[in-house]
Amino acid sequence: MSITVFRCLLLSLAIVDGNSYAASGHEQDQLSLVQQQLDIIERLSTRAEVASTSEPNERYRFDYPRLSQDIQRIRQSVQDYMSPSRAQPRDPAELVGDYRLDTLPAKPLP
């Protein structure tokens, strides 16, 4: 399910263009749909995290907190675009986009 969440996140990113202000009602409607999709992606991610059964000896696991932070960042960027308070420079920080965590090998018991 994490691949589906990641694909939806990328689709949402492709739809949002932060270089200009939302000029038309149609664009605002589309961006509202993006916001709704972000809510769905976040709910799916939460369900996937609860359902995940990470074994202590697995080398990699999905970084759900990082995904949640990136979703929040996208959500805030879309909201800022739709309702700008004043002209401000863009936030230069980028999304992380890497959601694989390396787990440390388990220490052998003495």
PDB file of N, CA and C in Angstrom:
ATOM      1  N   MET A   1       0.817  -1.189   0.000  1.00  0.00           N
ATOM      2  CA  MET A   1       0.000   0.000   0.000  1.00  0.00           C
ATOM      3  C   MET A   1       0.861   1.254   0.000  1.00  0.00           C
ATOM      4  N   SER A   2       2.091   1.193   0.513  1.00  0.00           N
ATOM      5  CA  SER A   2       2.947   2.366   0.589  1.00  0.00           C
ATOM      6  C   SER A   2       3.312   2.882  -0.798  1.00  0.00           C
ATOM      7  N   ILE A   3       3.413   2.020  -1.796  1.00  0.00           N
ATOM      8  CA  ILE A   3       3.702   2.465  -3.154  1.00  0.00           C
ATOM      9  C   ILE A   3       2.529   3.274  -3.689  1.00  0.00           C
ATOM     10  N   THR A   4       1.316   2.855  -3.382  1.00  0.00           N
ATOM     11  CA  THR A   4       0.130   3.597  -3.805  1.00  0.00           C
ATOM     12  C   THR A   4       0.102   4.976  -3.163  1.00  0.00           C
ATOM     13  N   VAL A   5       0.423   5.051  -1.886  1.00  0.00           N
ATOM     14  CA  VAL A   5       0.461   6.334  -1.180  1.00  0.00           C
ATOM     15  C   VAL A   5       1.499   7.236  -1.829  1.00  0.00           C
ATOM     16  N   PHE A   6       2.668   6.686  -2.129  1.00  0.00           N
ATOM     17  CA  PHE A   6       3.738   7.469  -2.732  1.00  0.00           C
ATOM     18  C   PHE A   6       3.328   7.976  -4.109  1.00  0.00           C
ATOM     19  N   ARG A   7       2.665   7.127  -4.918  1.00  0.00           N
ATOM     20  CA  ARG A   7       2.210   7.542  -6.247  1.00  0.00           C
ATOM     21  C   ARG A   7       1.176   8.655  -6.153  1.00  0.00           C
ATOM     22  N   CYS A   8       0.261   8.548  -5.207  1.00  0.00           N
ATOM     23  CA  CYS A   8      -0.749   9.600  -5.025  1.00  0.00           C
ATOM     24  C   CYS A   8      -0.090  10.906  -4.611  1.00  0.00           C
ATOM     25  N   LEU A   9       0.922  10.807  -3.770  1.00  0.00           N
ATOM     26  CA  LEU A   9       1.653  11.991  -3.341  1.00  0.00           C
ATOM     27  C   LEU A   9       2.340  12.650  -4.538  1.00  0.00           C
ATOM     28  N   LEU A  10       2.966  11.854  -5.384  1.00  0.00           N
ATOM     29  CA  LEU A  10       3.624  12.396  -6.574  1.00  0.00           C
ATOM     30  C   LEU A  10       2.617  13.019  -7.532  1.00  0.00           C
ATOM     31  N   LEU A  11       1.444  12.389  -7.675  1.00  0.00           N
ATOM     32  CA  LEU A  11       0.403  12.951  -8.525  1.00  0.00           C
ATOM     33  C   LEU A  11      -0.034  14.314  -7.994  1.00  0.00           C
ATOM     34  N   SER A  12      -0.200  14.410  -6.686  1.00  0.00           N
ATOM     35  CA  SER A  12      -0.587  15.675  -6.087  1.00  0.00           C
ATOM     36  C   SER A  12       0.468  16.739  -6.332  1.00  0.00           C
ATOM     37  N   LEU A  13       1.730  16.359  -6.246  1.00  0.00           N
ATOM     38  CA  LEU A  13       2.807  17.305  -6.510  1.00  0.00           C
ATOM     39  C   LEU A  13       2.789  17.772  -7.960  1.00  0.00           C
ATOM     40  N   ALA A  14       2.492  16.872  -8.875  1.00  0.00           N
ATOM     41  CA  ALA A  14       2.474  17.217 -10.292  1.00  0.00           C
ATOM     42  C   ALA A  14       1.350  18.194 -10.614  1.00  0.00           C
ATOM     43  N   ILE A  15       0.261  18.126  -9.870  1.00  0.00           N
ATOM     44  CA  ILE A  15      -0.883  18.993 -10.134  1.00  0.00           C
ATOM     45  C   ILE A  15      -0.636  20.409  -9.628  1.00  0.00           C
ATOM     46  N   VAL A  16       0.085  20.535  -8.539  1.00  0.00           N
ATOM     47  CA  VAL A  16       0.284  21.834  -7.899  1.00  0.00           C
ATOM     48  C   VAL A  16       1.443  22.559  -8.553  1.00  0.00           C
ATOM     49  N   ASP A  17       1.213  23.775  -9.002  1.00  0.00           N
ATOM     50  CA  ASP A  17       2.271  24.610  -9.548  1.00  0.00           C
ATOM     51  C   ASP A  17       2.303  25.871  -8.703  1.00  0.00           C
ATOM     52  N   GLY A  18       3.323  26.040  -7.901  1.00  0.00           N
ATOM     53  CA  GLY A  18       3.401  27.154  -6.974  1.00  0.00           C
ATOM     54  C   GLY A  18       3.990  28.417  -7.550  1.00  0.00           C
ATOM     55  N   ASN A  19       4.121  28.549  -8.874  1.00  0.00           N
ATOM     56  CA  ASN A  19       4.757  29.723  -9.455  1.00  0.00           C
ATOM     57  C   ASN A  19       3.806  30.890  -9.682  1.00  0.00           C
ATOM     58  N   SER A  20       2.504  30.684  -9.574  1.00  0.00           N
ATOM     59  CA  SER A  20       1.558  31.769  -9.782  1.00  0.00           C
ATOM     60  C   SER A  20       0.379  31.606  -8.837  1.00  0.00           C
ATOM     61  N   TYR A  21      -0.404  32.665  -8.703  1.00  0.00           N
ATOM     62  CA  TYR A  21      -1.553  32.620  -7.805  1.00  0.00           C
ATOM     63  C   TYR A  21      -2.733  31.955  -8.499  1.00  0.00           C
ATOM     64  N   ALA A  22      -3.584  31.328  -7.697  1.00  0.00           N
ATOM     65  CA  ALA A  22      -4.789  30.679  -8.234  1.00  0.00           C
ATOM     66  C   ALA A  22      -5.679  31.760  -8.819  1.00  0.00           C
ATOM     67  N   ALA A  23      -5.783  31.798 -10.138  1.00  0.00           N
ATOM     68  CA  ALA A  23      -6.502  32.880 -10.791  1.00  0.00           C
ATOM     69  C   ALA A  23      -7.936  32.517 -11.133  1.00  0.00           C
ATOM     70  N   SER A  24      -8.216  31.246 -11.337  1.00  0.00           N
ATOM     71  CA  SER A  24      -9.548  30.882 -11.794  1.00  0.00           C
ATOM     72  C   SER A  24     -10.264  30.030 -10.754  1.00  0.00           C
ATOM     73  N   GLY A  25     -11.571  30.037 -10.847  1.00  0.00           N
ATOM     74  CA  GLY A  25     -12.374  29.188  -9.979  1.00  0.00           C
ATOM     75  C   GLY A  25     -12.104  27.717 -10.229  1.00  0.00           C
ATOM     76  N   HIS A  26     -11.856  27.387 -11.500  1.00  0.00           N
ATOM     77  CA  HIS A  26     -11.565  25.994 -11.850  1.00  0.00           C
ATOM     78  C   HIS A  26     -10.280  25.524 -11.163  1.00  0.00           C
ATOM     79  N   GLU A  27      -9.259  26.366 -11.190  1.00  0.00           N
ATOM     80  CA  GLU A  27      -7.998  25.992 -10.535  1.00  0.00           C
ATOM     81  C   GLU A  27      -8.196  25.827  -9.034  1.00  0.00           C
ATOM     82  N   GLN A  28      -8.945  26.715  -8.432  1.00  0.00           N
ATOM     83  CA  GLN A  28      -9.214  26.591  -6.994  1.00  0.00           C
ATOM     84  C   GLN A  28      -9.991  25.312  -6.702  1.00  0.00           C
ATOM     85  N   ASP A  29     -10.940  24.960  -7.556  1.00  0.00           N
ATOM     86  CA  ASP A  29     -11.673  23.700  -7.378  1.00  0.00           C
ATOM     87  C   ASP A  29     -10.718  22.512  -7.451  1.00  0.00           C
ATOM     88  N   GLN A  30      -9.808  22.549  -8.424  1.00  0.00           N
ATOM     89  CA  GLN A  30      -8.845  21.459  -8.581  1.00  0.00           C
ATOM     90  C   GLN A  30      -7.913  21.365  -7.375  1.00  0.00           C
ATOM     91  N   LEU A  31      -7.483  22.504  -6.876  1.00  0.00           N
ATOM     92  CA  LEU A  31      -6.595  22.494  -5.708  1.00  0.00           C
ATOM     93  C   LEU A  31      -7.339  22.041  -4.449  1.00  0.00           C
ATOM     94  N   SER A  32      -8.620  22.338  -4.375  1.00  0.00           N
ATOM     95  CA  SER A  32      -9.418  21.820  -3.261  1.00  0.00           C
ATOM     96  C   SER A  32      -9.489  20.304  -3.326  1.00  0.00           C
ATOM     97  N   LEU A  33      -9.599  19.777  -4.539  1.00  0.00           N
ATOM     98  CA  LEU A  33      -9.576  18.318  -4.709  1.00  0.00           C
ATOM     99  C   LEU A  33      -8.219  17.739  -4.292  1.00  0.00           C
ATOM    100  N   VAL A  34      -7.157  18.444  -4.603  1.00  0.00           N
ATOM    101  CA  VAL A  34      -5.826  17.998  -4.170  1.00  0.00           C
ATOM    102  C   VAL A  34      -5.784  17.928  -2.648  1.00  0.00           C
ATOM    103  N   GLN A  35      -6.334  18.942  -1.989  1.00  0.00           N
ATOM    104  CA  GLN A  35      -6.362  18.949  -0.519  1.00  0.00           C
ATOM    105  C   GLN A  35      -7.135  17.738   0.002  1.00  0.00           C
ATOM    106  N   GLN A  36      -8.258  17.436  -0.616  1.00  0.00           N
ATOM    107  CA  GLN A  36      -9.039  16.271  -0.204  1.00  0.00           C
ATOM    108  C   GLN A  36      -8.253  14.980  -0.425  1.00  0.00           C
ATOM    109  N   GLN A  37      -7.541  14.909  -1.543  1.00  0.00           N
ATOM    110  CA  GLN A  37      -6.734  13.723  -1.819  1.00  0.00           C
ATOM    111  C   GLN A  37      -5.595  13.583  -0.811  1.00  0.00           C
ATOM    112  N   LEU A  38      -5.027  14.687  -0.401  1.00  0.00           N
ATOM    113  CA  LEU A  38      -3.987  14.640   0.626  1.00  0.00           C
ATOM    114  C   LEU A  38      -4.549  14.090   1.938  1.00  0.00           C
ATOM    115  N   ASP A  39      -5.779  14.479   2.271  1.00  0.00           N
ATOM    116  CA  ASP A  39      -6.427  13.932   3.466  1.00  0.00           C
ATOM    117  C   ASP A  39      -6.577  12.416   3.351  1.00  0.00           C
ATOM    118  N   ILE A  40      -6.998  11.961   2.170  1.00  0.00           N
ATOM    119  CA  ILE A  40      -7.168  10.523   1.948  1.00  0.00           C
ATOM    120  C   ILE A  40      -5.826   9.809   2.037  1.00  0.00           C
ATOM    121  N   ILE A  41      -4.794  10.372   1.413  1.00  0.00           N
ATOM    122  CA  ILE A  41      -3.462   9.770   1.461  1.00  0.00           C
ATOM    123  C   ILE A  41      -2.982   9.673   2.907  1.00  0.00           C
ATOM    124  N   GLU A  42      -3.225  10.710   3.676  1.00  0.00           N
ATOM    125  CA  GLU A  42      -2.790  10.695   5.076  1.00  0.00           C
ATOM    126  C   GLU A  42      -3.534   9.613   5.872  1.00  0.00           C
ATOM    127  N   ARG A  43      -4.840   9.464   5.629  1.00  0.00           N
ATOM    128  CA  ARG A  43      -5.595   8.412   6.313  1.00  0.00           C
ATOM    129  C   ARG A  43      -5.093   7.028   5.905  1.00  0.00           C
ATOM    130  N   LEU A  44      -4.829   6.834   4.609  1.00  0.00           N
ATOM    131  CA  LEU A  44      -4.307   5.551   4.137  1.00  0.00           C
ATOM    132  C   LEU A  44      -2.942   5.251   4.747  1.00  0.00           C
ATOM    133  N   SER A  45      -2.129   6.262   4.852  1.00  0.00           N
ATOM    134  CA  SER A  45      -0.800   6.089   5.441  1.00  0.00           C
ATOM    135  C   SER A  45      -0.904   5.708   6.911  1.00  0.00           C
ATOM    136  N   THR A  46      -1.829   6.338   7.620  1.00  0.00           N
ATOM    137  CA  THR A  46      -2.025   6.009   9.035  1.00  0.00           C
ATOM    138  C   THR A  46      -2.490   4.567   9.188  1.00  0.00           C
ATOM    139  N   ARG A  47      -3.434   4.150   8.339  1.00  0.00           N
ATOM    140  CA  ARG A  47      -3.897   2.755   8.377  1.00  0.00           C
ATOM    141  C   ARG A  47      -2.757   1.790   8.069  1.00  0.00           C
ATOM    142  N   ALA A  48      -1.951   2.119   7.057  1.00  0.00           N
ATOM    143  CA  ALA A  48      -0.830   1.254   6.684  1.00  0.00           C
ATOM    144  C   ALA A  48       0.177   1.154   7.831  1.00  0.00           C
ATOM    145  N   GLU A  49       0.419   2.256   8.510  1.00  0.00           N
ATOM    146  CA  GLU A  49       1.361   2.247   9.631  1.00  0.00           C
ATOM    147  C   GLU A  49       0.848   1.376  10.770  1.00  0.00           C
ATOM    148  N   VAL A  50      -0.441   1.489  11.076  1.00  0.00           N
ATOM    149  CA  VAL A  50      -1.038   0.672  12.133  1.00  0.00           C
ATOM    150  C   VAL A  50      -1.009  -0.802  11.756  1.00  0.00           C
ATOM    151  N   ALA A  51      -1.250  -1.087  10.481  1.00  0.00           N
ATOM    152  CA  ALA A  51      -1.308  -2.475  10.025  1.00  0.00           C
ATOM    153  C   ALA A  51       0.069  -3.088   9.796  1.00  0.00           C
ATOM    154  N   SER A  52       1.109  -2.257   9.721  1.00  0.00           N
ATOM    155  CA  SER A  52       2.433  -2.803   9.423  1.00  0.00           C
ATOM    156  C   SER A  52       2.924  -3.664  10.581  1.00  0.00           C
ATOM    157  N   THR A  53       3.575  -4.710  10.217  1.00  0.00           N
ATOM    158  CA  THR A  53       4.143  -5.619  11.214  1.00  0.00           C
ATOM    159  C   THR A  53       5.636  -5.713  10.954  1.00  0.00           C
ATOM    160  N   SER A  54       6.358  -4.727  11.422  1.00  0.00           N
ATOM    161  CA  SER A  54       7.803  -4.710  11.232  1.00  0.00           C
ATOM    162  C   SER A  54       8.452  -5.707  12.167  1.00  0.00           C
ATOM    163  N   GLU A  55       9.233  -6.556  11.582  1.00  0.00           N
ATOM    164  CA  GLU A  55       9.984  -7.525  12.365  1.00  0.00           C
ATOM    165  C   GLU A  55      11.276  -6.866  12.830  1.00  0.00           C
ATOM    166  N   PRO A  56      11.746  -7.194  14.015  1.00  0.00           N
ATOM    167  CA  PRO A  56      12.964  -6.568  14.519  1.00  0.00           C
ATOM    168  C   PRO A  56      14.189  -6.834  13.647  1.00  0.00           C
ATOM    169  N   ASN A  57      14.187  -7.912  12.875  1.00  0.00           N
ATOM    170  CA  ASN A  57      15.361  -8.231  12.077  1.00  0.00           C
ATOM    171  C   ASN A  57      15.255  -7.749  10.626  1.00  0.00           C
ATOM    172  N   GLU A  58      14.204  -6.981  10.282  1.00  0.00           N
ATOM    173  CA  GLU A  58      14.079  -6.441   8.938  1.00  0.00           C
ATOM    174  C   GLU A  58      15.113  -5.337   8.742  1.00  0.00           C
ATOM    175  N   ARG A  59      15.687  -5.318   7.556  1.00  0.00           N
ATOM    176  CA  ARG A  59      16.722  -4.323   7.295  1.00  0.00           C
ATOM    177  C   ARG A  59      16.133  -2.953   6.997  1.00  0.00           C
ATOM    178  N   TYR A  60      15.000  -2.928   6.310  1.00  0.00           N
ATOM    179  CA  TYR A  60      14.369  -1.664   5.938  1.00  0.00           C
ATOM    180  C   TYR A  60      12.929  -1.641   6.430  1.00  0.00           C
ATOM    181  N   ARG A  61      12.463  -0.429   6.672  1.00  0.00           N
ATOM    182  CA  ARG A  61      11.060  -0.225   6.988  1.00  0.00           C
ATOM    183  C   ARG A  61      10.641   1.125   6.424  1.00  0.00           C
ATOM    184  N   PHE A  62       9.346   1.336   6.282  1.00  0.00           N
ATOM    185  CA  PHE A  62       8.822   2.567   5.696  1.00  0.00           C
ATOM    186  C   PHE A  62       8.801   3.661   6.756  1.00  0.00           C
ATOM    187  N   ASP A  63       9.214   4.870   6.387  1.00  0.00           N
ATOM    188  CA  ASP A  63       9.283   6.002   7.314  1.00  0.00           C
ATOM    189  C   ASP A  63       7.968   6.791   7.255  1.00  0.00           C
ATOM    190  N   TYR A  64       6.975   6.307   7.984  1.00  0.00           N
ATOM    191  CA  TYR A  64       5.658   6.951   7.986  1.00  0.00           C
ATOM    192  C   TYR A  64       5.683   8.368   8.561  1.00  0.00           C
ATOM    193  N   PRO A  65       6.418   8.651   9.631  1.00  0.00           N
ATOM    194  CA  PRO A  65       6.460  10.035  10.128  1.00  0.00           C
ATOM    195  C   PRO A  65       6.998  11.024   9.086  1.00  0.00           C
ATOM    196  N   ARG A  66       7.997  10.622   8.333  1.00  0.00           N
ATOM    197  CA  ARG A  66       8.552  11.514   7.301  1.00  0.00           C
ATOM    198  C   ARG A  66       7.521  11.754   6.209  1.00  0.00           C
ATOM    199  N   LEU A  67       6.791  10.720   5.802  1.00  0.00           N
ATOM    200  CA  LEU A  67       5.740  10.881   4.813  1.00  0.00           C
ATOM    201  C   LEU A  67       4.682  11.851   5.322  1.00  0.00           C
ATOM    202  N   SER A  68       4.304  11.710   6.577  1.00  0.00           N
ATOM    203  CA  SER A  68       3.305  12.598   7.163  1.00  0.00           C
ATOM    204  C   SER A  68       3.784  14.053   7.151  1.00  0.00           C
ATOM    205  N   GLN A  69       5.051  14.273   7.456  1.00  0.00           N
ATOM    206  CA  GLN A  69       5.604  15.635   7.418  1.00  0.00           C
ATOM    207  C   GLN A  69       5.557  16.211   6.011  1.00  0.00           C
ATOM    208  N   ASP A  70       5.886  15.391   5.013  1.00  0.00           N
ATOM    209  CA  ASP A  70       5.847  15.864   3.631  1.00  0.00           C
ATOM    210  C   ASP A  70       4.415  16.167   3.193  1.00  0.00           C
ATOM    211  N   ILE A  71       3.467  15.343   3.596  1.00  0.00           N
ATOM    212  CA  ILE A  71       2.060  15.605   3.271  1.00  0.00           C
ATOM    213  C   ILE A  71       1.619  16.927   3.890  1.00  0.00           C
ATOM    214  N   GLN A  72       1.993  17.153   5.131  1.00  0.00           N
ATOM    215  CA  GLN A  72       1.638  18.419   5.794  1.00  0.00           C
ATOM    216  C   GLN A  72       2.262  19.612   5.066  1.00  0.00           C
ATOM    217  N   ARG A  73       3.482  19.436   4.618  1.00  0.00           N
ATOM    218  CA  ARG A  73       4.172  20.511   3.895  1.00  0.00           C
ATOM    219  C   ARG A  73       3.459  20.813   2.573  1.00  0.00           C
ATOM    220  N   ILE A  74       3.053  19.783   1.846  1.00  0.00           N
ATOM    221  CA  ILE A  74       2.329  19.995   0.592  1.00  0.00           C
ATOM    222  C   ILE A  74       0.990  20.664   0.879  1.00  0.00           C
ATOM    223  N   ARG A  75       0.286  20.164   1.891  1.00  0.00           N
ATOM    224  CA  ARG A  75      -1.017  20.733   2.246  1.00  0.00           C
ATOM    225  C   ARG A  75      -0.884  22.234   2.562  1.00  0.00           C
ATOM    226  N   GLN A  76       0.124  22.583   3.347  1.00  0.00           N
ATOM    227  CA  GLN A  76       0.326  23.985   3.722  1.00  0.00           C
ATOM    228  C   GLN A  76       0.698  24.827   2.500  1.00  0.00           C
ATOM    229  N   SER A  77       1.498  24.276   1.595  1.00  0.00           N
ATOM    230  CA  SER A  77       1.886  25.014   0.388  1.00  0.00           C
ATOM    231  C   SER A  77       0.682  25.291  -0.503  1.00  0.00           C
ATOM    232  N   VAL A  78      -0.193  24.298  -0.655  1.00  0.00           N
ATOM    233  CA  VAL A  78      -1.403  24.495  -1.462  1.00  0.00           C
ATOM    234  C   VAL A  78      -2.289  25.547  -0.800  1.00  0.00           C
ATOM    235  N   GLN A  79      -2.441  25.449   0.513  1.00  0.00           N
ATOM    236  CA  GLN A  79      -3.273  26.429   1.230  1.00  0.00           C
ATOM    237  C   GLN A  79      -2.692  27.836   1.107  1.00  0.00           C
ATOM    238  N   ASP A  80      -1.386  27.957   1.235  1.00  0.00           N
ATOM    239  CA  ASP A  80      -0.741  29.271   1.095  1.00  0.00           C
ATOM    240  C   ASP A  80      -0.931  29.840  -0.305  1.00  0.00           C
ATOM    241  N   TYR A  81      -0.908  28.970  -1.300  1.00  0.00           N
ATOM    242  CA  TYR A  81      -1.117  29.398  -2.678  1.00  0.00           C
ATOM    243  C   TYR A  81      -2.554  29.856  -2.898  1.00  0.00           C
ATOM    244  N   MET A  82      -3.506  29.116  -2.335  1.00  0.00           N
ATOM    245  CA  MET A  82      -4.919  29.438  -2.529  1.00  0.00           C
ATOM    246  C   MET A  82      -5.335  30.685  -1.760  1.00  0.00           C
ATOM    247  N   SER A  83      -4.696  30.923  -0.626  1.00  0.00           N
ATOM    248  CA  SER A  83      -5.065  32.062   0.217  1.00  0.00           C
ATOM    249  C   SER A  83      -3.816  32.813   0.661  1.00  0.00           C
ATOM    250  N   PRO A  84      -3.133  33.464  -0.272  1.00  0.00           N
ATOM    251  CA  PRO A  84      -1.905  34.164   0.125  1.00  0.00           C
ATOM    252  C   PRO A  84      -2.234  35.381   0.983  1.00  0.00           C
ATOM    253  N   SER A  85      -1.484  35.559   2.068  1.00  0.00           N
ATOM    254  CA  SER A  85      -1.707  36.712   2.928  1.00  0.00           C
ATOM    255  C   SER A  85      -1.022  37.944   2.350  1.00  0.00           C
ATOM    256  N   ARG A  86       0.119  37.764   1.724  1.00  0.00           N
ATOM    257  CA  ARG A  86       0.849  38.833   1.044  1.00  0.00           C
ATOM    258  C   ARG A  86       1.962  38.161   0.236  1.00  0.00           C
ATOM    259  N   ALA A  87       2.572  38.916  -0.617  1.00  0.00           N
ATOM    260  CA  ALA A  87       3.653  38.344  -1.421  1.00  0.00           C
ATOM    261  C   ALA A  87       4.841  38.029  -0.520  1.00  0.00           C
ATOM    262  N   GLN A  88       5.265  36.792  -0.540  1.00  0.00           N
ATOM    263  CA  GLN A  88       6.397  36.365   0.265  1.00  0.00           C
ATOM    264  C   GLN A  88       7.307  35.512  -0.597  1.00  0.00           C
ATOM    265  N   PRO A  89       8.579  35.493  -0.249  1.00  0.00           N
ATOM    266  CA  PRO A  89       9.465  34.579  -0.988  1.00  0.00           C
ATOM    267  C   PRO A  89       9.080  33.142  -0.704  1.00  0.00           C
ATOM    268  N   ARG A  90       9.306  32.280  -1.687  1.00  0.00           N
ATOM    269  CA  ARG A  90       8.997  30.863  -1.509  1.00  0.00           C
ATOM    270  C   ARG A  90       9.946  30.251  -0.503  1.00  0.00           C
ATOM    271  N   ASP A  91       9.433  29.288   0.222  1.00  0.00           N
ATOM    272  CA  ASP A  91      10.243  28.531   1.163  1.00  0.00           C
ATOM    273  C   ASP A  91      11.148  27.606   0.357  1.00  0.00           C
ATOM    274  N   PRO A  92      12.470  27.753   0.489  1.00  0.00           N
ATOM    275  CA  PRO A  92      13.369  26.959  -0.361  1.00  0.00           C
ATOM    276  C   PRO A  92      13.523  25.501   0.063  1.00  0.00           C
ATOM    277  N   ALA A  93      12.985  25.102   1.199  1.00  0.00           N
ATOM    278  CA  ALA A  93      13.143  23.721   1.660  1.00  0.00           C
ATOM    279  C   ALA A  93      12.428  22.773   0.711  1.00  0.00           C
ATOM    280  N   GLU A  94      13.016  21.615   0.508  1.00  0.00           N
ATOM    281  CA  GLU A  94      12.453  20.631  -0.398  1.00  0.00           C
ATOM    282  C   GLU A  94      11.873  19.461   0.383  1.00  0.00           C
ATOM    283  N   LEU A  95      11.002  18.703  -0.297  1.00  0.00           N
ATOM    284  CA  LEU A  95      10.473  17.491   0.299  1.00  0.00           C
ATOM    285  C   LEU A  95      11.584  16.456   0.377  1.00  0.00           C
ATOM    286  N   VAL A  96      11.501  15.604   1.356  1.00  0.00           N
ATOM    287  CA  VAL A  96      12.511  14.575   1.519  1.00  0.00           C
ATOM    288  C   VAL A  96      12.347  13.513   0.451  1.00  0.00           C
ATOM    289  N   GLY A  97      11.172  12.922   0.369  1.00  0.00           N
ATOM    290  CA  GLY A  97      10.869  11.959  -0.674  1.00  0.00           C
ATOM    291  C   GLY A  97      11.460  10.574  -0.505  1.00  0.00           C
ATOM    292  N   ASP A  98      12.345  10.364   0.441  1.00  0.00           N
ATOM    293  CA  ASP A  98      12.937   9.047   0.677  1.00  0.00           C
ATOM    294  C   ASP A  98      12.313   8.501   1.947  1.00  0.00           C
ATOM    295  N   TYR A  99      11.507   7.459   1.812  1.00  0.00           N
ATOM    296  CA  TYR A  99      10.741   6.963   2.944  1.00  0.00           C
ATOM    297  C   TYR A  99      11.202   5.594   3.420  1.00  0.00           C
ATOM    298  N   ARG A 100      12.405   5.202   3.051  1.00  0.00           N
ATOM    299  CA  ARG A 100      12.927   3.915   3.495  1.00  0.00           C
ATOM    300  C   ARG A 100      13.912   4.162   4.626  1.00  0.00           C
ATOM    301  N   LEU A 101      13.684   3.511   5.739  1.00  0.00           N
ATOM    302  CA  LEU A 101      14.578   3.621   6.881  1.00  0.00           C
ATOM    303  C   LEU A 101      15.424   2.364   6.976  1.00  0.00           C
ATOM    304  N   ASP A 102      16.700   2.525   7.184  1.00  0.00           N
ATOM    305  CA  ASP A 102      17.565   1.385   7.448  1.00  0.00           C
ATOM    306  C   ASP A 102      17.471   1.089   8.939  1.00  0.00           C
ATOM    307  N   THR A 103      17.245  -0.143   9.275  1.00  0.00           N
ATOM    308  CA  THR A 103      17.216  -0.512  10.680  1.00  0.00           C
ATOM    309  C   THR A 103      18.558  -1.102  11.050  1.00  0.00           C
ATOM    310  N   LEU A 104      18.960  -0.828  12.250  1.00  0.00           N
ATOM    311  CA  LEU A 104      20.236  -1.344  12.730  1.00  0.00           C
ATOM    312  C   LEU A 104      20.101  -2.838  12.982  1.00  0.00           C
ATOM    313  N   PRO A 105      21.155  -3.579  12.709  1.00  0.00           N
ATOM    314  CA  PRO A 105      21.078  -5.032  12.986  1.00  0.00           C
ATOM    315  C   PRO A 105      20.896  -5.265  14.473  1.00  0.00           C
ATOM    316  N   ALA A 106      20.103  -6.267  14.787  1.00  0.00           N
ATOM    317  CA  ALA A 106      19.867  -6.601  16.196  1.00  0.00           C
ATOM    318  C   ALA A 106      21.159  -7.088  16.821  1.00  0.00           C
ATOM    319  N   LYS A 107      21.391  -6.663  18.045  1.00  0.00           N
ATOM    320  CA  LYS A 107      22.596  -7.115  18.760  1.00  0.00           C
ATOM    321  C   LYS A 107      22.366  -8.532  19.260  1.00  0.00           C
ATOM    322  N   PRO A 108      23.357  -9.381  19.094  1.00  0.00           N
ATOM    323  CA  PRO A 108      23.191 -10.746  19.600  1.00  0.00           C
ATOM    324  C   PRO A 108      23.124 -10.759  21.119  1.00  0.00           C
ATOM    325  N   LEU A 109      22.291 -11.626  21.623  1.00  0.00           N
ATOM    326  CA  LEU A 109      22.158 -11.744  23.066  1.00  0.00           C
ATOM    327  C   LEU A 109      23.373 -12.511  23.620  1.00  0.00           C
ATOM    328  N   PRO A 110      23.879 -12.067  24.772  1.00  0.00           N
ATOM    329  CA  PRO A 110      25.042 -12.761  25.356  1.00  0.00           C
ATOM    330  C   PRO A 110      24.697 -14.124  25.874  1.00  0.00           C
TER     331      PRO A 110
END
